[in-house]
Amino acid sequence: MADQQVAAQGNGDDGLGYEQARDALLEVVRQLEAGGVPLEESLALWERGEQLAKVCQRWLDGARARLDAALAAEEGDTDSAGA
């Protein structure tokens, strides 16, 4: 039953916000570090952790792109103001 619960949690990760994905990833890590989990469930947890890490990375990549774009726009405004 625990395997089914872990597998069910893996669905729909793309709709998670960064904080939700990060918190879920921390919980997965906590469970894995605690040990005492059967091999199949450990593998399912690890796979879920990989999915959550990808969601977090996409959020961070998007935030970096937005920051870069804002900085580039600010530089463009500064360059045109000085001309």
Protein backbone atom coordinates (compact mmCIF):
# COMPACT_ATOMS: atom_id res chain seq x y z
CA MET A 1 0.00 0.00 0.00
CA ALA A 2 2.83 2.43 0.78
CA ASP A 3 4.26 1.81 -2.70
CA GLN A 4 0.93 2.82 -4.24
CA GLN A 5 0.83 5.96 -2.10
CA VAL A 6 4.33 6.98 -3.20
CA ALA A 7 3.51 6.27 -6.84
CA ALA A 8 0.24 8.23 -6.62
CA GLN A 9 2.10 11.22 -5.17
CA GLY A 10 4.35 11.27 -8.23
CA ASN A 11 1.49 12.26 -10.53
CA GLY A 12 0.97 15.93 -11.33
CA ASP A 13 4.31 17.23 -10.06
CA ASP A 14 4.47 19.79 -12.88
CA GLY A 15 1.65 21.74 -11.24
CA LEU A 16 3.56 22.18 -7.99
CA GLY A 17 4.98 25.51 -6.98
CA TYR A 18 8.65 25.74 -6.06
CA GLU A 19 8.06 25.72 -2.31
CA GLN A 20 5.66 22.77 -2.54
CA ALA A 21 8.11 20.74 -4.63
CA ARG A 22 11.01 21.66 -2.35
CA ASP A 23 9.09 20.66 0.78
CA ALA A 24 7.98 17.38 -0.80
CA LEU A 25 11.60 16.70 -1.84
CA LEU A 26 12.79 17.36 1.70
CA GLU A 27 10.21 14.87 2.98
CA VAL A 28 11.39 12.24 0.49
CA VAL A 29 14.99 12.77 1.59
CA ARG A 30 13.96 12.54 5.26
CA GLN A 31 12.19 9.24 4.63
CA LEU A 32 15.15 7.81 2.73
CA GLU A 33 17.64 8.94 5.35
CA ALA A 34 15.53 7.47 8.15
CA GLY A 35 15.97 4.03 6.59
CA GLY A 36 13.90 0.99 7.38
CA VAL A 37 12.02 1.32 4.09
CA PRO A 38 11.69 -1.75 1.87
CA LEU A 39 13.73 -1.72 -1.34
CA GLU A 40 10.76 -1.23 -3.69
CA GLU A 41 9.48 1.69 -1.65
CA SER A 42 13.00 3.18 -1.46
CA LEU A 43 13.25 3.03 -5.25
CA ALA A 44 9.84 4.67 -5.63
CA LEU A 45 10.88 7.40 -3.18
CA TRP A 46 14.13 7.96 -5.05
CA GLU A 47 12.26 8.25 -8.36
CA ARG A 48 9.83 10.72 -6.79
CA GLY A 49 12.77 12.70 -5.46
CA GLU A 50 14.27 12.86 -8.94
CA GLN A 51 10.97 14.16 -10.34
CA LEU A 52 10.67 16.77 -7.60
CA ALA A 53 14.27 17.88 -8.10
CA LYS A 54 13.51 18.45 -11.79
CA VAL A 55 10.46 20.55 -10.90
CA CYS A 56 12.58 22.63 -8.53
CA GLN A 57 15.29 23.05 -11.16
CA ARG A 58 12.75 24.22 -13.74
CA TRP A 59 11.49 26.85 -11.29
CA LEU A 60 15.02 28.00 -10.53
CA ASP A 61 15.95 28.10 -14.22
CA GLY A 62 12.84 30.18 -14.91
CA ALA A 63 13.65 32.57 -12.09
CA ARG A 64 17.21 32.94 -13.40
CA ALA A 65 15.92 33.68 -16.91
CA ARG A 66 13.56 36.34 -15.54
CA LEU A 67 16.36 37.95 -13.55
CA ASP A 68 18.68 37.90 -16.54
CA ALA A 69 15.98 39.47 -18.72
CA ALA A 70 15.28 42.17 -16.14
CA LEU A 71 18.98 42.95 -15.80
CA ALA A 72 19.39 43.07 -19.57
CA ALA A 73 16.40 45.41 -19.88
CA GLU A 74 17.80 47.63 -17.15
CA GLU A 75 21.14 47.76 -18.94
CA GLY A 76 19.36 48.67 -22.16
CA ASP A 77 17.50 51.48 -20.40
CA THR A 78 20.76 52.76 -18.88
CA ASP A 79 22.55 52.67 -22.25
CA SER A 80 19.79 54.54 -24.07
CA ALA A 81 19.44 57.12 -21.29
CA GLY A 82 23.12 58.00 -21.52
CA ALA A 83 23.05 58.47 -25.30
